[in-house]
């Protein structure tokens, strides 16, 4: 019997534009796909291809300079159209122009019954390993480090998030195959929500199943790790998203890197929120074409509104993203600002009367409604931060670059996404996620 954990601190942000459980592919046939080194924290990429090279799905595009065995592969077959660079020739994107017709795949000698070393070798060659993140540091897992546990969160409480019941039930065999592979590396924790389909975990004999109830961030692996198996110094935990587990399962079932995922196209600026099934890294322009409202300037986000990355209409889906969210930019002038009575505005502090309707869905923009100011001590963060960590004190220790304090306050357990709600409710407009990311990078540099 799965144990139930109740999360009390948190906040569910109800937004308009939830994707219906419908897959529509009529206009979703992008010609370009990109793999972005910037999606992988701490990565120093080294190219293995040049512009004009022909590649298959599973062909390496670049590798990690400090871990050459970790390869980052093309999601589709075609021709390397462009290697886009930024300042100091930093690689920003490797763009592949997809060939017409069916995708051609590299083949791999994947055998579920092979030894751990052979399984790991195939995962590295096929480009699956970058999907596995490790804590501490929230970076691509070090293949030479043995984890003490592997955590999988099979539900998502983030705003407008993908319905993982819908996704996993369409790929149940591959999902369970992926879980079996992961369970060979370390004890496997599979965490589900109160409404998750029993099919997801009833067939997972290798995993310890737990049920998490409560508001966001109940689905965050950081919250789950903190409640089930906290990380101490010199310990490592792996995490991986459900759709990457499905890709892993396909690798060992079909001997190929099939990077197709279900992506939710959602948000208040989408006319018909829906799902598309495409390989990772697709160009969003063709997917959004004809499905955008015309009355606002918009912000396109690869991911959800709390942790996602702003991209242009000519941009590409991020490696770890499974949704495209489109909301108003919020750059128009607002008469009276916060002083104007707002029955249609969301307020965590009950500034507006809209709190009387708890089930109301909102059309929020990216407007901050203020500017960054002094970092004051309040209990705002504690109300939405369910981990046994002092969030404000940890952020200040990071700003002071006090490594001893950071360690004492639990930095090894956290990732930027764990502070997303803190950033959302913060009256001081502090960029908590950026601070945590910089703190993790600093700690890794100083201790490595």
Protein backbone atom coordinates (compact mmCIF):
# COMPACT_ATOMS: atom_id res chain seq x y z
CA UNK A 1 0.00 0.00 0.00
CA UNK A 2 1.46 3.36 -1.06
CA UNK A 3 2.04 5.84 1.74
CA UNK A 4 0.34 9.24 1.43
CA UNK A 5 2.24 12.47 2.10
CA UNK A 6 0.27 15.69 2.56
CA UNK A 7 1.89 18.96 1.48
CA UNK A 8 0.34 22.00 3.18
CA UNK A 9 2.62 24.85 2.12
CA UNK A 10 2.29 25.83 -1.50
CA UNK A 11 0.07 27.56 -4.02
CA UNK A 12 -1.98 26.43 -6.99
CA UNK A 13 -2.00 29.10 -9.68
CA UNK A 14 -5.12 28.63 -11.76
CA UNK A 15 -4.66 30.01 -15.27
CA UNK A 16 -6.79 30.07 -18.38
CA UNK A 17 -5.72 28.00 -21.37
CA UNK A 18 -5.30 24.43 -20.11
CA UNK A 19 -4.59 22.03 -22.98
CA UNK A 20 -7.35 19.54 -23.73
CA UNK A 21 -6.38 15.87 -23.90
CA UNK A 22 -6.48 15.99 -27.69
CA UNK A 23 -3.58 15.49 -30.08
CA UNK A 24 -3.72 17.55 -33.28
CA UNK A 25 -1.02 17.28 -35.89
CA UNK A 26 -2.67 18.97 -38.89
CA UNK A 27 -0.35 21.98 -38.93
CA UNK A 28 2.35 20.65 -36.59
CA UNK A 29 5.12 19.60 -38.95
CA UNK A 30 8.15 21.77 -38.19
CA UNK A 31 11.06 21.60 -40.61
CA UNK A 32 13.67 22.69 -38.07
CA UNK A 33 14.83 21.29 -34.74
CA UNK A 34 17.53 22.54 -32.39
CA UNK A 35 19.61 21.28 -29.50
CA UNK A 36 20.66 24.10 -27.19
CA UNK A 37 23.76 23.74 -24.96
CA UNK A 38 22.33 26.57 -22.82
CA UNK A 39 19.65 24.14 -21.57
CA UNK A 40 22.31 22.20 -19.67
CA UNK A 41 23.75 24.01 -16.65
CA UNK A 42 27.55 23.93 -16.46
CA UNK A 43 28.02 22.33 -19.89
CA UNK A 44 31.06 23.19 -22.02
CA UNK A 45 30.10 21.77 -25.44
CA UNK A 46 32.48 20.50 -28.11
CA UNK A 47 31.02 20.10 -31.58
CA UNK A 48 31.14 16.81 -33.47
CA UNK A 49 29.42 18.12 -36.62
CA UNK A 50 29.73 20.99 -39.08
CA UNK A 51 27.17 22.93 -41.05
CA UNK A 52 26.04 20.83 -44.01
CA UNK A 53 26.69 17.46 -42.33
CA UNK A 54 24.02 14.78 -42.71
CA UNK A 55 22.76 13.28 -39.45
CA UNK A 56 20.28 10.69 -38.23
CA UNK A 57 18.17 10.71 -35.09
CA UNK A 58 20.72 9.66 -32.47
CA UNK A 59 23.80 11.11 -34.21
CA UNK A 60 25.93 13.12 -31.73
CA UNK A 61 25.92 16.88 -32.35
CA UNK A 62 28.23 17.78 -29.47
CA UNK A 63 29.63 16.33 -26.25
CA UNK A 64 30.69 17.56 -22.82
CA UNK A 65 34.30 18.75 -22.79
CA UNK A 66 34.84 17.45 -19.25
CA UNK A 67 32.83 14.24 -19.74
CA UNK A 68 33.39 13.29 -23.41
CA UNK A 69 31.38 10.10 -22.95
CA UNK A 70 28.18 12.16 -22.41
CA UNK A 71 26.83 12.79 -25.90
CA UNK A 72 24.06 15.16 -26.99
CA UNK A 73 22.34 13.81 -30.07
CA UNK A 74 20.09 14.97 -32.88
CA UNK A 75 16.35 14.39 -32.30
CA UNK A 76 15.67 14.00 -36.05
CA UNK A 77 17.41 13.05 -39.27
CA UNK A 78 18.42 15.68 -41.80
CA UNK A 79 21.16 18.25 -42.41
CA UNK A 80 22.93 20.49 -39.89
CA UNK A 81 21.63 23.84 -41.09
CA UNK A 82 23.42 26.19 -38.72
CA UNK A 83 25.53 26.43 -35.58
CA UNK A 84 24.40 29.65 -33.91
CA UNK A 85 26.86 31.38 -31.63
CA UNK A 86 26.70 34.23 -29.14
CA UNK A 87 29.30 36.34 -27.41
CA UNK A 88 32.85 34.96 -27.44
CA UNK A 89 31.66 32.34 -29.94
CA UNK A 90 29.61 30.57 -27.30
CA UNK A 91 27.44 27.89 -28.93
CA UNK A 92 23.77 28.74 -28.47
CA UNK A 93 21.98 26.34 -30.83
CA UNK A 94 22.76 23.56 -33.26
CA UNK A 95 19.94 23.63 -35.81
CA UNK A 96 19.01 20.58 -37.87
CA UNK A 97 16.82 20.88 -40.96
CA UNK A 98 14.65 17.75 -40.99
CA UNK A 99 14.58 15.66 -44.14
CA UNK A 100 11.30 14.92 -45.88
CA UNK A 101 9.56 11.64 -45.18
CA UNK A 102 10.15 9.27 -42.28
CA UNK A 103 12.88 9.90 -39.73
CA UNK A 104 16.00 7.76 -40.10
CA UNK A 105 17.51 6.41 -36.89
CA UNK A 106 20.90 5.32 -35.63
CA UNK A 107 20.65 1.81 -34.19
CA UNK A 108 22.03 0.77 -30.80
CA UNK A 109 22.79 -2.60 -29.26
CA UNK A 110 20.41 -2.08 -26.34
CA UNK A 111 19.62 -5.09 -24.17
CA UNK A 112 17.62 -4.74 -20.97
CA UNK A 113 19.23 -7.88 -19.53
CA UNK A 114 22.80 -6.67 -20.06
CA UNK A 115 25.12 -5.63 -17.24
CA UNK A 116 24.89 -2.20 -15.61
CA UNK A 117 28.07 -1.05 -17.37
CA UNK A 118 26.74 -2.13 -20.79
CA UNK A 119 23.37 -0.47 -20.16
CA UNK A 120 25.07 2.75 -19.11
CA UNK A 121 27.30 2.66 -22.20
CA UNK A 122 24.27 2.39 -24.50
CA UNK A 123 22.52 5.23 -22.67
CA UNK A 124 25.58 7.43 -23.11
CA UNK A 125 25.98 6.61 -26.81
CA UNK A 126 22.27 7.14 -27.56
CA UNK A 127 22.10 10.54 -25.86
CA UNK A 128 19.72 9.49 -23.09
CA UNK A 129 22.04 10.42 -20.23
CA UNK A 130 21.56 14.22 -20.48
CA UNK A 131 17.91 13.62 -19.50
CA UNK A 132 19.09 12.44 -16.08
CA UNK A 133 19.80 15.24 -13.63
CA UNK A 134 21.60 14.92 -10.35
CA UNK A 135 21.32 16.66 -7.04
CA UNK A 136 23.33 18.37 -5.68
CA UNK A 137 23.90 21.11 -8.28
CA UNK A 138 20.91 20.26 -10.55
CA UNK A 139 23.14 19.36 -13.49
CA UNK A 140 23.43 16.47 -15.94
CA UNK A 141 24.31 13.40 -13.89
CA UNK A 142 27.92 12.33 -13.63
CA UNK A 143 28.00 8.81 -15.17
CA UNK A 144 30.92 7.84 -12.89
CA UNK A 145 29.03 8.58 -9.66
CA UNK A 146 26.73 5.99 -8.10
CA UNK A 147 23.44 7.54 -6.91
CA UNK A 148 21.87 6.58 -3.61
CA UNK A 149 18.39 6.82 -5.19
CA UNK A 150 16.51 7.63 -8.41
CA UNK A 151 13.42 9.83 -8.11
CA UNK A 152 10.57 10.03 -10.61
CA UNK A 153 7.58 12.36 -10.23
CA UNK A 154 4.77 11.02 -12.42
CA UNK A 155 2.46 14.01 -12.01
CA UNK A 156 2.74 17.78 -12.33
CA UNK A 157 1.00 20.47 -10.27
CA UNK A 158 2.60 23.45 -12.08
CA UNK A 159 0.33 25.94 -13.89
CA UNK A 160 -1.19 24.47 -17.10
CA UNK A 161 1.10 21.45 -16.76
CA UNK A 162 1.06 18.35 -18.95
CA UNK A 163 -1.43 15.68 -17.88
CA UNK A 164 0.96 12.79 -17.24
CA UNK A 165 -1.90 10.32 -16.90
CA UNK A 166 -2.78 11.08 -20.51
CA UNK A 167 0.86 10.91 -21.63
CA UNK A 168 1.99 7.80 -19.76
CA UNK A 169 -1.11 5.72 -20.50
CA UNK A 170 -0.40 6.18 -24.21
CA UNK A 171 3.11 4.78 -23.70
CA UNK A 172 2.64 2.49 -20.70
CA UNK A 173 4.87 -0.39 -21.85
CA UNK A 174 7.79 1.92 -22.69
CA UNK A 175 7.34 3.74 -19.36
CA UNK A 176 7.53 0.53 -17.35
CA UNK A 177 10.51 -0.65 -19.41
CA UNK A 178 12.30 2.61 -18.59
CA UNK A 179 11.54 2.19 -14.88
CA UNK A 180 13.01 -1.32 -14.94
CA UNK A 181 16.23 0.03 -16.45
CA UNK A 182 16.51 2.83 -13.88
CA UNK A 183 15.90 0.47 -10.96
CA UNK A 184 19.15 -1.31 -11.85
CA UNK A 185 21.19 1.76 -10.85
CA UNK A 186 19.73 2.51 -7.39
CA UNK A 187 16.54 2.23 -5.30
CA UNK A 188 13.73 3.75 -7.37
CA UNK A 189 11.14 6.13 -5.91
CA UNK A 190 8.01 6.60 -8.06
CA UNK A 191 5.77 9.39 -6.78
CA UNK A 192 2.23 9.99 -8.02
CA UNK A 193 -0.66 12.33 -7.31
CA UNK A 194 -3.97 11.53 -5.61
CA UNK A 195 -5.77 11.26 -8.96
CA UNK A 196 -3.04 9.42 -10.86
CA UNK A 197 -4.08 6.33 -12.78
CA UNK A 198 -3.33 3.10 -10.93
CA UNK A 199 -1.95 1.66 -14.18
CA UNK A 200 1.05 3.95 -13.82
CA UNK A 201 2.32 2.39 -10.61
CA UNK A 202 0.58 -0.97 -10.27
CA UNK A 203 2.91 -2.47 -12.87
CA UNK A 204 6.02 -0.94 -11.28
CA UNK A 205 7.18 -3.68 -8.95
CA UNK A 206 10.73 -2.31 -8.88
CA UNK A 207 9.72 1.07 -7.43
CA UNK A 208 8.74 2.33 -4.01
CA UNK A 209 5.47 4.18 -4.69
CA UNK A 210 4.31 7.20 -2.67
CA UNK A 211 1.27 9.45 -3.12
CA UNK A 212 1.65 13.22 -2.65
CA UNK A 213 -1.39 15.39 -1.95
CA UNK A 214 -1.50 19.15 -1.81
CA UNK A 215 -0.85 22.30 -3.84
CA UNK A 216 2.13 23.04 -6.04
CA UNK A 217 5.03 22.23 -5.51
CA UNK A 218 3.81 18.79 -4.35
CA UNK A 219 4.96 17.38 -7.70
CA UNK A 220 8.50 18.83 -7.53
CA UNK A 221 11.12 16.14 -7.01
CA UNK A 222 12.88 18.48 -4.55
CA UNK A 223 9.84 18.41 -2.29
CA UNK A 224 9.61 14.63 -2.60
CA UNK A 225 13.31 14.04 -1.94
CA UNK A 226 13.10 16.26 1.15
CA UNK A 227 10.22 14.19 2.57
CA UNK A 228 11.40 10.70 1.55
CA UNK A 229 15.21 10.58 1.43
CA UNK A 230 17.00 13.90 2.12
CA UNK A 231 20.41 14.49 0.58
CA UNK A 232 23.45 14.83 2.80
CA UNK A 233 26.90 16.04 1.83
CA UNK A 234 28.73 13.69 -0.58
CA UNK A 235 25.47 11.94 -1.55
CA UNK A 236 23.95 12.00 -5.04
CA UNK A 237 20.36 11.52 -6.18
CA UNK A 238 19.23 11.17 -9.79
CA UNK A 239 15.99 12.59 -11.18
CA UNK A 240 14.34 12.09 -14.58
CA UNK A 241 11.06 13.24 -16.14
CA UNK A 242 8.34 10.74 -17.18
CA UNK A 243 8.61 11.43 -20.91
CA UNK A 244 12.36 10.85 -20.82
CA UNK A 245 11.69 7.51 -19.13
CA UNK A 246 9.44 6.65 -22.08
CA UNK A 247 12.27 7.56 -24.50
CA UNK A 248 14.61 5.35 -22.44
CA UNK A 249 12.11 2.48 -22.62
CA UNK A 250 11.79 2.87 -26.40
CA UNK A 251 15.57 2.73 -26.73
CA UNK A 252 15.70 -0.72 -25.17
CA UNK A 253 12.54 -1.94 -26.90
CA UNK A 254 13.18 -0.58 -30.41
CA UNK A 255 17.00 -0.11 -30.40
CA UNK A 256 16.74 3.54 -31.45
CA UNK A 257 16.60 7.07 -30.03
CA UNK A 258 12.98 8.05 -30.60
CA UNK A 259 12.70 11.52 -29.03
CA UNK A 260 8.98 12.05 -29.65
CA UNK A 261 7.14 13.62 -26.71
CA UNK A 262 3.66 15.01 -26.14
CA UNK A 263 3.90 18.77 -25.76
CA UNK A 264 1.07 20.90 -24.38
CA UNK A 265 0.44 24.09 -26.36
CA UNK A 266 -1.34 26.17 -23.75
CA UNK A 267 -1.93 29.59 -22.22
CA UNK A 268 -4.54 32.33 -22.36
CA UNK A 269 -3.24 33.59 -25.73
CA UNK A 270 -3.79 30.23 -27.45
CA UNK A 271 -7.09 29.91 -29.32
CA UNK A 272 -7.32 26.11 -29.05
CA UNK A 273 -5.03 24.69 -26.34
CA UNK A 274 -4.00 21.18 -27.35
CA UNK A 275 -1.20 18.60 -27.53
CA UNK A 276 1.21 17.88 -30.35
CA UNK A 277 3.43 14.81 -30.65
CA UNK A 278 6.83 15.78 -32.03
CA UNK A 279 10.51 15.09 -31.36
CA UNK A 280 12.23 17.34 -28.82
CA UNK A 281 13.59 20.72 -29.83
CA UNK A 282 11.07 21.58 -32.55
CA UNK A 283 10.63 25.10 -33.95
CA UNK A 284 7.56 26.56 -32.25
CA UNK A 285 6.57 28.92 -35.08
CA UNK A 286 4.76 26.35 -37.20
CA UNK A 287 3.07 24.82 -34.16
CA UNK A 288 1.71 28.21 -33.07
CA UNK A 289 0.78 29.38 -36.56
CA UNK A 290 -2.94 30.14 -36.78
CA UNK A 291 -3.52 29.38 -33.10
CA UNK A 292 -2.61 32.75 -31.52
CA UNK A 293 -4.95 35.54 -30.49
CA UNK A 294 -4.28 38.90 -32.12
CA UNK A 295 -5.32 41.33 -29.40
CA UNK A 296 -2.16 41.38 -27.26
CA UNK A 297 1.59 41.45 -27.50
CA UNK A 298 2.62 38.04 -26.28
CA UNK A 299 5.33 36.20 -24.37
CA UNK A 300 6.18 32.68 -25.51
CA UNK A 301 7.63 30.44 -22.82
CA UNK A 302 9.35 27.10 -23.27
CA UNK A 303 8.03 25.39 -20.13
CA UNK A 304 5.60 26.68 -17.53
CA UNK A 305 5.14 30.26 -16.33
CA UNK A 306 7.10 29.66 -13.12
CA UNK A 307 10.27 27.95 -14.35
CA UNK A 308 10.18 28.23 -18.15
CA UNK A 309 12.42 30.21 -20.47
CA UNK A 310 11.31 33.09 -22.67
CA UNK A 311 11.81 32.34 -26.37
CA UNK A 312 11.03 34.19 -29.56
CA UNK A 313 8.39 33.06 -32.03
CA UNK A 314 11.28 31.79 -34.14
CA UNK A 315 12.69 29.85 -31.19
CA UNK A 316 12.77 26.16 -30.26
CA UNK A 317 11.39 24.00 -27.47
CA UNK A 318 13.90 23.45 -24.66
CA UNK A 319 15.33 20.01 -23.94
CA UNK A 320 13.62 19.66 -20.55
CA UNK A 321 10.34 21.32 -21.56
CA UNK A 322 7.07 19.53 -22.29
CA UNK A 323 4.84 22.56 -22.77
CA UNK A 324 4.73 25.84 -24.66
CA UNK A 325 2.93 28.54 -22.70
CA UNK A 326 1.76 31.76 -24.34
CA UNK A 327 0.58 34.64 -22.13
CA UNK A 328 0.18 38.43 -22.57
CA UNK A 329 3.43 40.37 -22.32
CA UNK A 330 1.86 42.88 -19.95
CA UNK A 331 3.76 45.87 -21.31
CA UNK A 332 0.72 48.13 -21.65
CA UNK A 333 0.12 51.05 -19.28
CA UNK A 334 -2.21 50.22 -16.39
CA UNK A 335 -4.14 53.19 -14.97
CA UNK A 336 -3.83 53.39 -11.14
CA UNK A 337 -1.89 50.11 -11.09
CA UNK A 338 -2.34 48.09 -7.91
CA UNK A 339 -4.59 50.80 -6.40
CA UNK A 340 -7.33 50.08 -8.94
CA UNK A 341 -10.03 47.71 -7.58
CA UNK A 342 -9.34 44.35 -9.17
CA UNK A 343 -12.07 41.73 -9.14
CA UNK A 344 -10.30 39.97 -11.99
CA UNK A 345 -6.81 40.11 -10.50
CA UNK A 346 -5.10 37.36 -8.59
CA UNK A 347 -3.63 38.21 -5.20
CA UNK A 348 -1.90 35.86 -2.79
CA UNK A 349 -2.23 38.42 0.03
CA UNK A 350 -5.97 39.05 -0.56
CA UNK A 351 -5.35 42.62 -1.71
CA UNK A 352 -8.18 42.20 -4.22
CA UNK A 353 -11.68 40.82 -3.70
CA UNK A 354 -11.01 38.08 -6.22
CA UNK A 355 -9.91 35.83 -3.32
CA UNK A 356 -13.62 35.30 -2.57
CA UNK A 357 -13.80 33.12 -5.71
CA UNK A 358 -11.15 30.48 -4.99
CA UNK A 359 -11.80 28.49 -8.19
CA UNK A 360 -11.51 31.43 -10.57
CA UNK A 361 -9.05 31.03 -13.45
CA UNK A 362 -6.92 34.03 -14.33
CA UNK A 363 -5.35 35.57 -17.40
CA UNK A 364 -2.01 36.66 -15.97
CA UNK A 365 0.68 38.56 -17.88
CA UNK A 366 4.44 38.77 -17.35
CA UNK A 367 4.14 42.22 -15.75
CA UNK A 368 5.99 42.33 -12.41
CA UNK A 369 3.76 45.15 -11.05
CA UNK A 370 6.74 46.71 -9.34
CA UNK A 371 10.51 46.73 -9.25
CA UNK A 372 13.20 44.95 -7.25
CA UNK A 373 13.67 46.47 -3.81
CA UNK A 374 15.21 45.70 -0.43
CA UNK A 375 15.15 42.01 0.53
CA UNK A 376 12.96 42.14 3.64
CA UNK A 377 12.30 39.35 6.15
CA UNK A 378 8.68 38.19 5.94
CA UNK A 379 6.88 34.86 6.11
CA UNK A 380 5.84 35.01 2.45
CA UNK A 381 8.29 32.32 1.39
CA UNK A 382 7.44 29.98 4.27
CA UNK A 383 3.79 29.81 3.17
CA UNK A 384 4.70 28.36 -0.24
CA UNK A 385 7.95 26.51 0.53
CA UNK A 386 7.24 23.01 1.93
CA UNK A 387 10.83 21.80 2.37
CA UNK A 388 12.48 21.67 5.82
CA UNK A 389 14.81 24.49 4.80
CA UNK A 390 14.91 28.21 5.67
CA UNK A 391 14.55 29.77 2.19
CA UNK A 392 15.33 33.42 2.95
CA UNK A 393 18.36 32.56 5.05
CA UNK A 394 19.67 30.24 2.34
CA UNK A 395 19.30 32.92 -0.34
CA UNK A 396 21.18 35.41 1.81
CA UNK A 397 23.94 32.88 2.45
CA UNK A 398 24.26 32.42 -1.31
CA UNK A 399 24.45 36.18 -1.87
CA UNK A 400 27.17 36.37 0.80
CA UNK A 401 28.98 33.38 -0.80
CA UNK A 402 29.18 31.75 2.63
CA UNK A 403 29.78 28.09 1.73
CA UNK A 404 29.54 26.81 5.30
CA UNK A 405 26.17 28.51 5.79
CA UNK A 406 24.93 27.26 2.43
CA UNK A 407 25.76 23.70 3.41
CA UNK A 408 24.17 24.03 6.83
CA UNK A 409 21.00 25.49 5.31
CA UNK A 410 20.52 22.66 2.81
CA UNK A 411 21.77 23.88 -0.56
CA UNK A 412 22.59 20.31 -1.63
CA UNK A 413 18.87 19.47 -1.71
CA UNK A 414 17.56 22.37 -3.77
CA UNK A 415 17.28 23.36 -7.41
CA UNK A 416 16.12 26.69 -8.86
CA UNK A 417 12.63 25.30 -9.53
CA UNK A 418 12.10 24.78 -5.79
CA UNK A 419 12.18 28.57 -5.34
CA UNK A 420 9.82 29.38 -8.23
CA UNK A 421 6.81 30.04 -5.99
CA UNK A 422 8.95 32.10 -3.63
CA UNK A 423 9.83 34.29 -6.59
CA UNK A 424 6.16 34.51 -7.62
CA UNK A 425 4.87 35.72 -4.22
CA UNK A 426 7.88 37.92 -3.36
CA UNK A 427 6.89 41.56 -2.78
CA UNK A 428 10.57 42.51 -3.11
CA UNK A 429 10.67 41.02 -6.66
CA UNK A 430 13.84 39.06 -5.85
CA UNK A 431 15.00 36.71 -8.62
CA UNK A 432 15.28 33.71 -6.32
CA UNK A 433 15.79 31.12 -9.05
CA UNK A 434 18.71 33.04 -10.56
CA UNK A 435 20.32 33.39 -7.12
CA UNK A 436 20.00 29.65 -6.43
CA UNK A 437 21.46 28.80 -9.85
CA UNK A 438 24.43 31.10 -9.26
CA UNK A 439 24.89 29.63 -5.77
CA UNK A 440 24.95 26.07 -7.09
CA UNK A 441 27.43 27.03 -9.82
CA UNK A 442 29.67 28.79 -7.28
CA UNK A 443 29.55 25.85 -4.87
CA UNK A 444 30.41 23.36 -7.62
CA UNK A 445 33.34 25.49 -8.80
CA UNK A 446 34.75 25.97 -5.32
CA UNK A 447 34.37 22.35 -4.19
CA UNK A 448 35.39 20.53 -7.35
